[in-house]
N, C-alpha and C. Protein backbone atom coordinates (compact mmCIF):
# COMPACT_ATOMS: atom_id res chain seq x y z
N MET A 1 -101.60 81.66 13.10
CA MET A 1 -100.47 81.59 12.22
C MET A 1 -100.07 82.97 11.71
N PHE A 2 -101.06 83.81 11.40
CA PHE A 2 -100.79 85.17 10.94
C PHE A 2 -100.11 85.98 12.04
N LYS A 3 -100.52 85.75 13.28
CA LYS A 3 -99.94 86.46 14.41
C LYS A 3 -98.45 86.11 14.55
N GLU A 4 -98.12 84.83 14.40
CA GLU A 4 -96.72 84.42 14.48
C GLU A 4 -95.89 85.03 13.36
N PHE A 5 -96.45 85.07 12.15
CA PHE A 5 -95.74 85.68 11.04
C PHE A 5 -95.53 87.17 11.29
N LYS A 6 -96.55 87.83 11.82
CA LYS A 6 -96.45 89.26 12.12
C LYS A 6 -95.35 89.51 13.15
N GLU A 7 -95.29 88.68 14.19
CA GLU A 7 -94.24 88.82 15.20
C GLU A 7 -92.86 88.61 14.59
N PHE A 8 -92.74 87.63 13.70
CA PHE A 8 -91.46 87.36 13.04
C PHE A 8 -91.06 88.54 12.15
N ALA A 9 -92.00 89.03 11.37
CA ALA A 9 -91.70 90.09 10.41
C ALA A 9 -91.36 91.41 11.10
N MET A 10 -91.90 91.65 12.27
CA MET A 10 -91.67 92.91 12.95
C MET A 10 -90.46 92.89 13.88
N ARG A 11 -89.76 91.79 13.93
CA ARG A 11 -88.53 91.75 14.72
C ARG A 11 -87.53 92.70 14.11
N GLY A 12 -86.68 93.28 14.91
CA GLY A 12 -85.74 94.29 14.44
C GLY A 12 -84.83 93.81 13.34
N ASN A 13 -84.32 92.59 13.44
CA ASN A 13 -83.37 92.10 12.44
C ASN A 13 -84.00 91.96 11.07
N VAL A 14 -85.22 91.50 11.00
CA VAL A 14 -85.89 91.29 9.72
C VAL A 14 -86.15 92.63 9.04
N VAL A 15 -86.62 93.61 9.80
CA VAL A 15 -86.88 94.94 9.24
C VAL A 15 -85.57 95.58 8.80
N ASP A 16 -84.52 95.47 9.60
CA ASP A 16 -83.21 96.02 9.23
C ASP A 16 -82.70 95.38 7.95
N MET A 17 -82.86 94.07 7.84
CA MET A 17 -82.40 93.37 6.64
C MET A 17 -83.18 93.83 5.42
N ALA A 18 -84.49 94.00 5.55
CA ALA A 18 -85.31 94.46 4.43
C ALA A 18 -84.88 95.85 3.97
N VAL A 19 -84.63 96.74 4.92
CA VAL A 19 -84.17 98.09 4.58
C VAL A 19 -82.82 98.02 3.88
N GLY A 20 -81.93 97.18 4.38
CA GLY A 20 -80.62 97.02 3.77
C GLY A 20 -80.69 96.51 2.34
N ILE A 21 -81.59 95.57 2.08
CA ILE A 21 -81.75 95.02 0.73
C ILE A 21 -82.29 96.09 -0.21
N ILE A 22 -83.24 96.86 0.25
CA ILE A 22 -83.82 97.92 -0.59
C ILE A 22 -82.76 98.98 -0.91
N ILE A 23 -82.03 99.41 0.10
CA ILE A 23 -80.99 100.42 -0.13
C ILE A 23 -79.88 99.85 -1.00
N GLY A 24 -79.53 98.58 -0.79
CA GLY A 24 -78.51 97.94 -1.62
C GLY A 24 -78.91 97.87 -3.08
N GLY A 25 -80.17 97.57 -3.34
CA GLY A 25 -80.66 97.54 -4.73
C GLY A 25 -80.59 98.91 -5.36
N ALA A 26 -80.97 99.93 -4.61
CA ALA A 26 -80.90 101.30 -5.13
C ALA A 26 -79.44 101.71 -5.37
N PHE A 27 -78.56 101.33 -4.45
CA PHE A 27 -77.14 101.64 -4.60
C PHE A 27 -76.56 100.95 -5.83
N GLY A 28 -76.96 99.71 -6.06
CA GLY A 28 -76.50 98.98 -7.24
C GLY A 28 -76.93 99.67 -8.53
N THR A 29 -78.14 100.20 -8.56
CA THR A 29 -78.63 100.92 -9.74
C THR A 29 -77.81 102.18 -9.97
N ILE A 30 -77.51 102.88 -8.89
CA ILE A 30 -76.70 104.11 -8.99
C ILE A 30 -75.31 103.78 -9.52
N VAL A 31 -74.70 102.73 -8.99
CA VAL A 31 -73.36 102.35 -9.44
C VAL A 31 -73.37 101.91 -10.90
N LYS A 32 -74.41 101.18 -11.30
CA LYS A 32 -74.50 100.75 -12.70
C LYS A 32 -74.57 101.97 -13.62
N SER A 33 -75.36 102.96 -13.23
CA SER A 33 -75.45 104.18 -14.02
C SER A 33 -74.13 104.94 -14.00
N LEU A 34 -73.45 104.97 -12.86
CA LEU A 34 -72.15 105.63 -12.76
C LEU A 34 -71.16 105.00 -13.74
N VAL A 35 -71.15 103.68 -13.79
CA VAL A 35 -70.20 103.00 -14.67
C VAL A 35 -70.57 103.19 -16.14
N SER A 36 -71.83 102.88 -16.49
CA SER A 36 -72.20 102.89 -17.91
C SER A 36 -72.40 104.29 -18.48
N ASP A 37 -72.84 105.25 -17.65
CA ASP A 37 -73.16 106.58 -18.17
C ASP A 37 -72.10 107.64 -17.89
N VAL A 38 -71.28 107.43 -16.85
CA VAL A 38 -70.31 108.47 -16.47
C VAL A 38 -68.87 108.02 -16.71
N MET A 39 -68.51 106.81 -16.28
CA MET A 39 -67.11 106.39 -16.35
C MET A 39 -66.72 105.83 -17.71
N MET A 40 -67.54 104.94 -18.27
CA MET A 40 -67.14 104.25 -19.49
C MET A 40 -67.10 105.15 -20.73
N PRO A 41 -67.98 106.13 -20.91
CA PRO A 41 -67.85 106.99 -22.10
C PRO A 41 -66.50 107.72 -22.18
N PRO A 42 -66.01 108.36 -21.10
CA PRO A 42 -64.68 108.99 -21.23
C PRO A 42 -63.56 107.98 -21.45
N ILE A 43 -63.65 106.82 -20.80
CA ILE A 43 -62.63 105.78 -21.01
C ILE A 43 -62.66 105.32 -22.46
N GLY A 44 -63.86 105.10 -22.99
CA GLY A 44 -64.00 104.72 -24.39
C GLY A 44 -63.48 105.80 -25.33
N LEU A 45 -63.72 107.06 -24.98
CA LEU A 45 -63.23 108.17 -25.80
C LEU A 45 -61.71 108.21 -25.80
N LEU A 46 -61.11 107.98 -24.64
CA LEU A 46 -59.65 107.96 -24.55
C LEU A 46 -59.06 106.80 -25.35
N LEU A 47 -59.80 105.73 -25.49
CA LEU A 47 -59.33 104.56 -26.23
C LEU A 47 -59.76 104.60 -27.70
N GLY A 48 -60.17 105.77 -28.17
CA GLY A 48 -60.49 105.90 -29.60
C GLY A 48 -61.97 105.77 -29.91
N GLY A 49 -62.82 106.22 -29.03
CA GLY A 49 -64.26 106.21 -29.28
C GLY A 49 -64.90 104.84 -29.16
N VAL A 50 -64.35 104.00 -28.32
CA VAL A 50 -64.86 102.64 -28.15
C VAL A 50 -66.01 102.63 -27.15
N ASP A 51 -67.11 101.93 -27.48
CA ASP A 51 -68.21 101.74 -26.55
C ASP A 51 -68.12 100.31 -26.03
N PHE A 52 -67.77 100.17 -24.74
CA PHE A 52 -67.56 98.84 -24.18
C PHE A 52 -68.81 97.98 -24.21
N ALA A 53 -69.98 98.61 -24.17
CA ALA A 53 -71.23 97.84 -24.19
C ALA A 53 -71.41 97.14 -25.53
N ASN A 54 -70.71 97.59 -26.56
CA ASN A 54 -70.83 96.98 -27.89
C ASN A 54 -69.70 96.01 -28.20
N PHE A 55 -68.95 95.59 -27.19
CA PHE A 55 -67.95 94.54 -27.39
C PHE A 55 -68.67 93.20 -27.29
N PHE A 56 -68.67 92.46 -28.36
CA PHE A 56 -69.34 91.16 -28.36
C PHE A 56 -68.70 90.28 -29.40
N ALA A 57 -68.90 88.99 -29.24
CA ALA A 57 -68.43 88.01 -30.21
C ALA A 57 -69.64 87.23 -30.72
N VAL A 58 -69.74 87.08 -32.03
CA VAL A 58 -70.87 86.38 -32.63
C VAL A 58 -70.54 84.88 -32.70
N LEU A 59 -71.37 84.07 -32.06
CA LEU A 59 -71.21 82.62 -32.12
C LEU A 59 -71.96 82.04 -33.31
N LYS A 60 -73.14 82.62 -33.60
CA LYS A 60 -73.96 82.15 -34.71
C LYS A 60 -74.73 83.33 -35.26
N ASP A 61 -74.67 83.51 -36.59
CA ASP A 61 -75.40 84.62 -37.21
C ASP A 61 -76.90 84.43 -37.05
N GLY A 62 -77.60 85.56 -37.08
CA GLY A 62 -79.05 85.54 -36.99
C GLY A 62 -79.68 85.45 -38.36
N ALA A 63 -80.93 85.91 -38.46
CA ALA A 63 -81.66 85.88 -39.73
C ALA A 63 -80.94 86.71 -40.79
N ALA A 64 -80.46 87.88 -40.40
CA ALA A 64 -79.64 88.71 -41.29
C ALA A 64 -78.19 88.43 -40.94
N ALA A 65 -77.40 88.06 -41.94
CA ALA A 65 -76.00 87.71 -41.70
C ALA A 65 -75.20 88.94 -41.29
N GLY A 66 -74.15 88.70 -40.48
CA GLY A 66 -73.29 89.77 -39.98
C GLY A 66 -72.33 90.25 -41.03
N PRO A 67 -71.44 91.11 -40.76
CA PRO A 67 -71.07 91.62 -39.45
C PRO A 67 -72.07 92.65 -38.93
N TYR A 68 -72.14 92.72 -37.63
CA TYR A 68 -73.07 93.62 -36.95
C TYR A 68 -72.28 94.77 -36.35
N ALA A 69 -72.77 95.98 -36.53
CA ALA A 69 -72.07 97.17 -36.04
C ALA A 69 -72.25 97.36 -34.53
N ALA A 70 -73.37 96.91 -34.01
CA ALA A 70 -73.65 97.11 -32.59
C ALA A 70 -74.33 95.87 -32.03
N LEU A 71 -74.28 95.75 -30.71
CA LEU A 71 -74.89 94.61 -30.03
C LEU A 71 -76.39 94.59 -30.25
N ALA A 72 -77.02 95.75 -30.21
CA ALA A 72 -78.48 95.81 -30.42
C ALA A 72 -78.85 95.30 -31.81
N GLU A 73 -78.03 95.60 -32.79
CA GLU A 73 -78.28 95.13 -34.17
C GLU A 73 -78.16 93.61 -34.25
N ALA A 74 -77.16 93.05 -33.58
CA ALA A 74 -76.97 91.59 -33.58
C ALA A 74 -78.13 90.91 -32.86
N GLN A 75 -78.56 91.48 -31.75
CA GLN A 75 -79.68 90.89 -31.00
C GLN A 75 -80.98 91.00 -31.78
N ALA A 76 -81.17 92.10 -32.50
CA ALA A 76 -82.38 92.26 -33.31
C ALA A 76 -82.41 91.24 -34.45
N ALA A 77 -81.23 90.88 -34.96
CA ALA A 77 -81.17 89.89 -36.03
C ALA A 77 -81.30 88.47 -35.50
N GLY A 78 -81.24 88.31 -34.19
CA GLY A 78 -81.37 86.98 -33.60
C GLY A 78 -80.05 86.23 -33.52
N ALA A 79 -78.94 86.94 -33.59
CA ALA A 79 -77.63 86.31 -33.52
C ALA A 79 -77.34 85.86 -32.09
N VAL A 80 -76.59 84.77 -31.99
CA VAL A 80 -76.14 84.28 -30.69
C VAL A 80 -74.79 84.93 -30.41
N THR A 81 -74.70 85.68 -29.31
CA THR A 81 -73.48 86.45 -29.03
C THR A 81 -72.98 86.22 -27.62
N ILE A 82 -71.69 86.43 -27.44
CA ILE A 82 -71.09 86.53 -26.10
C ILE A 82 -70.83 88.01 -25.88
N ASN A 83 -71.48 88.59 -24.90
CA ASN A 83 -71.44 90.03 -24.66
C ASN A 83 -70.38 90.37 -23.61
N TYR A 84 -69.12 90.28 -23.97
CA TYR A 84 -68.06 90.51 -22.99
C TYR A 84 -67.92 91.98 -22.62
N GLY A 85 -68.40 92.90 -23.44
CA GLY A 85 -68.39 94.32 -23.08
C GLY A 85 -69.37 94.63 -21.96
N VAL A 86 -70.55 94.03 -22.03
CA VAL A 86 -71.55 94.18 -20.96
C VAL A 86 -71.02 93.56 -19.67
N PHE A 87 -70.33 92.41 -19.83
CA PHE A 87 -69.72 91.77 -18.67
C PHE A 87 -68.64 92.66 -18.06
N LEU A 88 -67.86 93.33 -18.88
CA LEU A 88 -66.83 94.25 -18.38
C LEU A 88 -67.46 95.38 -17.58
N ASN A 89 -68.56 95.95 -18.09
CA ASN A 89 -69.27 96.99 -17.34
C ASN A 89 -69.77 96.45 -16.00
N ALA A 90 -70.32 95.25 -16.00
CA ALA A 90 -70.82 94.64 -14.76
C ALA A 90 -69.67 94.38 -13.79
N LEU A 91 -68.52 93.97 -14.31
CA LEU A 91 -67.35 93.72 -13.46
C LEU A 91 -66.88 95.01 -12.80
N ILE A 92 -66.83 96.08 -13.56
CA ILE A 92 -66.42 97.37 -12.98
C ILE A 92 -67.44 97.83 -11.95
N SER A 93 -68.72 97.64 -12.22
CA SER A 93 -69.77 97.98 -11.24
C SER A 93 -69.58 97.19 -9.96
N PHE A 94 -69.30 95.89 -10.10
CA PHE A 94 -69.09 95.05 -8.92
C PHE A 94 -67.89 95.54 -8.12
N LEU A 95 -66.81 95.89 -8.79
CA LEU A 95 -65.61 96.36 -8.08
C LEU A 95 -65.90 97.66 -7.31
N ILE A 96 -66.69 98.54 -7.89
CA ILE A 96 -67.04 99.78 -7.20
C ILE A 96 -67.89 99.48 -5.97
N VAL A 97 -68.88 98.60 -6.12
CA VAL A 97 -69.74 98.24 -4.98
C VAL A 97 -68.90 97.53 -3.91
N ALA A 98 -68.03 96.63 -4.31
CA ALA A 98 -67.19 95.92 -3.34
C ALA A 98 -66.28 96.89 -2.61
N PHE A 99 -65.73 97.88 -3.31
CA PHE A 99 -64.87 98.87 -2.67
C PHE A 99 -65.67 99.72 -1.69
N ALA A 100 -66.90 100.09 -2.07
CA ALA A 100 -67.75 100.87 -1.16
C ALA A 100 -68.09 100.07 0.09
N VAL A 101 -68.40 98.78 -0.07
CA VAL A 101 -68.69 97.92 1.09
C VAL A 101 -67.44 97.77 1.95
N PHE A 102 -66.27 97.63 1.32
CA PHE A 102 -65.01 97.54 2.06
C PHE A 102 -64.80 98.79 2.91
N LEU A 103 -65.03 99.97 2.32
CA LEU A 103 -64.86 101.22 3.07
C LEU A 103 -65.86 101.30 4.23
N LEU A 104 -67.08 100.83 4.01
CA LEU A 104 -68.09 100.83 5.06
C LEU A 104 -67.68 99.91 6.20
N ILE A 105 -67.25 98.70 5.89
CA ILE A 105 -66.82 97.75 6.92
C ILE A 105 -65.59 98.27 7.65
N LYS A 106 -64.66 98.87 6.91
CA LYS A 106 -63.46 99.43 7.53
C LYS A 106 -63.84 100.52 8.53
N GLY A 107 -64.79 101.38 8.16
CA GLY A 107 -65.25 102.43 9.07
C GLY A 107 -65.92 101.87 10.31
N ILE A 108 -66.75 100.85 10.12
CA ILE A 108 -67.43 100.23 11.27
C ILE A 108 -66.42 99.57 12.19
N ASN A 109 -65.43 98.88 11.62
CA ASN A 109 -64.40 98.24 12.45
C ASN A 109 -63.58 99.25 13.22
N SER A 110 -63.26 100.39 12.62
CA SER A 110 -62.49 101.40 13.35
C SER A 110 -63.32 102.01 14.48
N MET A 111 -64.63 102.16 14.28
CA MET A 111 -65.48 102.66 15.36
C MET A 111 -65.55 101.65 16.50
N LYS A 112 -65.60 100.36 16.16
CA LYS A 112 -65.63 99.32 17.20
C LYS A 112 -64.33 99.32 17.99
N ARG A 113 -63.20 99.51 17.29
CA ARG A 113 -61.90 99.53 17.97
C ARG A 113 -61.82 100.71 18.92
N GLU A 114 -62.38 101.86 18.53
CA GLU A 114 -62.38 103.03 19.40
C GLU A 114 -63.20 102.77 20.66
N GLU A 115 -64.34 102.08 20.50
CA GLU A 115 -65.17 101.76 21.65
C GLU A 115 -64.46 100.80 22.58
N GLN A 116 -63.76 99.82 22.03
CA GLN A 116 -63.08 98.83 22.83
C GLN A 116 -61.82 99.40 23.47
N ALA A 117 -61.21 100.41 22.86
CA ALA A 117 -59.95 100.95 23.35
C ALA A 117 -60.13 101.73 24.65
N ALA A 118 -61.29 102.31 24.88
CA ALA A 118 -61.51 103.09 26.09
C ALA A 118 -61.64 102.15 27.29
N PRO A 119 -60.65 102.16 28.20
CA PRO A 119 -60.74 101.27 29.35
C PRO A 119 -61.79 101.76 30.35
N ALA A 120 -62.41 100.82 31.01
CA ALA A 120 -63.43 101.16 32.00
C ALA A 120 -62.75 101.64 33.28
N GLU A 121 -63.41 102.55 33.96
CA GLU A 121 -62.90 103.05 35.24
C GLU A 121 -62.91 101.91 36.25
N PRO A 122 -61.84 101.79 37.04
CA PRO A 122 -61.82 100.72 38.05
C PRO A 122 -62.85 100.98 39.14
N THR A 123 -63.49 99.91 39.60
CA THR A 123 -64.48 100.03 40.68
C THR A 123 -63.99 99.39 41.97
N ASP A 124 -62.91 98.64 41.89
CA ASP A 124 -62.37 97.96 43.07
C ASP A 124 -60.89 98.29 43.23
N LYS A 125 -60.41 98.13 44.47
CA LYS A 125 -58.98 98.23 44.76
C LYS A 125 -58.66 97.16 45.78
N ASP A 126 -57.38 96.89 45.97
CA ASP A 126 -56.95 95.89 46.95
C ASP A 126 -56.56 96.58 48.24
N CYS A 127 -56.98 95.99 49.35
CA CYS A 127 -56.58 96.49 50.68
C CYS A 127 -55.08 96.25 50.82
N GLN A 128 -54.35 97.27 51.25
CA GLN A 128 -52.90 97.15 51.37
C GLN A 128 -52.47 96.28 52.54
N PHE A 129 -53.39 95.95 53.45
CA PHE A 129 -53.05 95.15 54.62
C PHE A 129 -53.42 93.68 54.45
N CYS A 130 -54.63 93.40 53.92
CA CYS A 130 -55.06 92.00 53.81
C CYS A 130 -55.20 91.54 52.36
N CYS A 131 -54.96 92.42 51.40
CA CYS A 131 -54.99 92.12 49.96
C CYS A 131 -56.36 91.63 49.48
N THR A 132 -57.41 92.03 50.13
CA THR A 132 -58.77 91.69 49.71
C THR A 132 -59.29 92.78 48.79
N SER A 133 -60.07 92.39 47.81
CA SER A 133 -60.66 93.35 46.89
C SER A 133 -61.81 94.06 47.58
N ILE A 134 -61.75 95.41 47.55
CA ILE A 134 -62.78 96.23 48.20
C ILE A 134 -63.20 97.35 47.25
N PRO A 135 -64.36 97.96 47.49
CA PRO A 135 -64.79 99.08 46.64
C PRO A 135 -63.76 100.22 46.69
N ILE A 136 -63.63 100.92 45.57
CA ILE A 136 -62.61 101.95 45.45
C ILE A 136 -62.87 103.13 46.39
N LYS A 137 -64.12 103.39 46.76
CA LYS A 137 -64.44 104.52 47.63
C LYS A 137 -64.35 104.19 49.12
N ALA A 138 -64.04 102.95 49.44
CA ALA A 138 -64.00 102.53 50.85
C ALA A 138 -62.85 103.24 51.57
N THR A 139 -63.12 103.64 52.83
CA THR A 139 -62.09 104.27 53.66
C THR A 139 -61.61 103.32 54.75
N ARG A 140 -62.36 102.22 54.93
CA ARG A 140 -61.97 101.19 55.90
C ARG A 140 -62.25 99.83 55.28
N CYS A 141 -61.34 98.90 55.46
CA CYS A 141 -61.49 97.56 54.88
C CYS A 141 -62.52 96.80 55.69
N PRO A 142 -63.55 96.21 55.02
CA PRO A 142 -64.57 95.48 55.74
C PRO A 142 -64.06 94.12 56.25
N HIS A 143 -62.92 93.66 55.76
CA HIS A 143 -62.40 92.36 56.17
C HIS A 143 -61.46 92.44 57.36
N CYS A 144 -60.50 93.38 57.28
CA CYS A 144 -59.52 93.47 58.36
C CYS A 144 -59.71 94.74 59.20
N THR A 145 -60.65 95.56 58.86
CA THR A 145 -61.02 96.81 59.54
C THR A 145 -59.89 97.84 59.57
N ALA A 146 -58.91 97.70 58.73
CA ALA A 146 -57.82 98.68 58.69
C ALA A 146 -58.30 99.95 58.01
N GLU A 147 -57.79 101.10 58.51
CA GLU A 147 -58.12 102.37 57.88
C GLU A 147 -57.27 102.52 56.65
N LEU A 148 -57.92 102.92 55.55
CA LEU A 148 -57.22 103.07 54.29
C LEU A 148 -56.96 104.56 54.03
N GLY A 149 -55.81 104.88 53.50
CA GLY A 149 -55.44 106.28 53.32
C GLY A 149 -55.57 106.78 51.98
């Protein structure tokens, strides 16, 4: 049973998929940092010093009654919140990842089109006398024995 599992795990597709998942997870972490640490602070600054991660709605106050200045303060008090600012950051991260995947797929498709666009060299020609398909390098037709020019 272990031998069968080893054969399955070492197949090319499984290893490729594992590498893709690992790289995808790392890419997701990079994009999350790009959104929360690089993109959102300047956008928040342009909108008057707003931190999108602190956009939340309180459904139920916690042990210490609100209003809460930050999401961390509300969570520390045990308040029940809808964290739509965190969701907005996640949505922007998803859009960046989706756009990157779109560009990757677009590049792969254009490479495939280039490969398909190159026509193969012909290997056969038709005999002008008997219209039989013959090799392109033939100087005499093997069917009608006519000399080809």
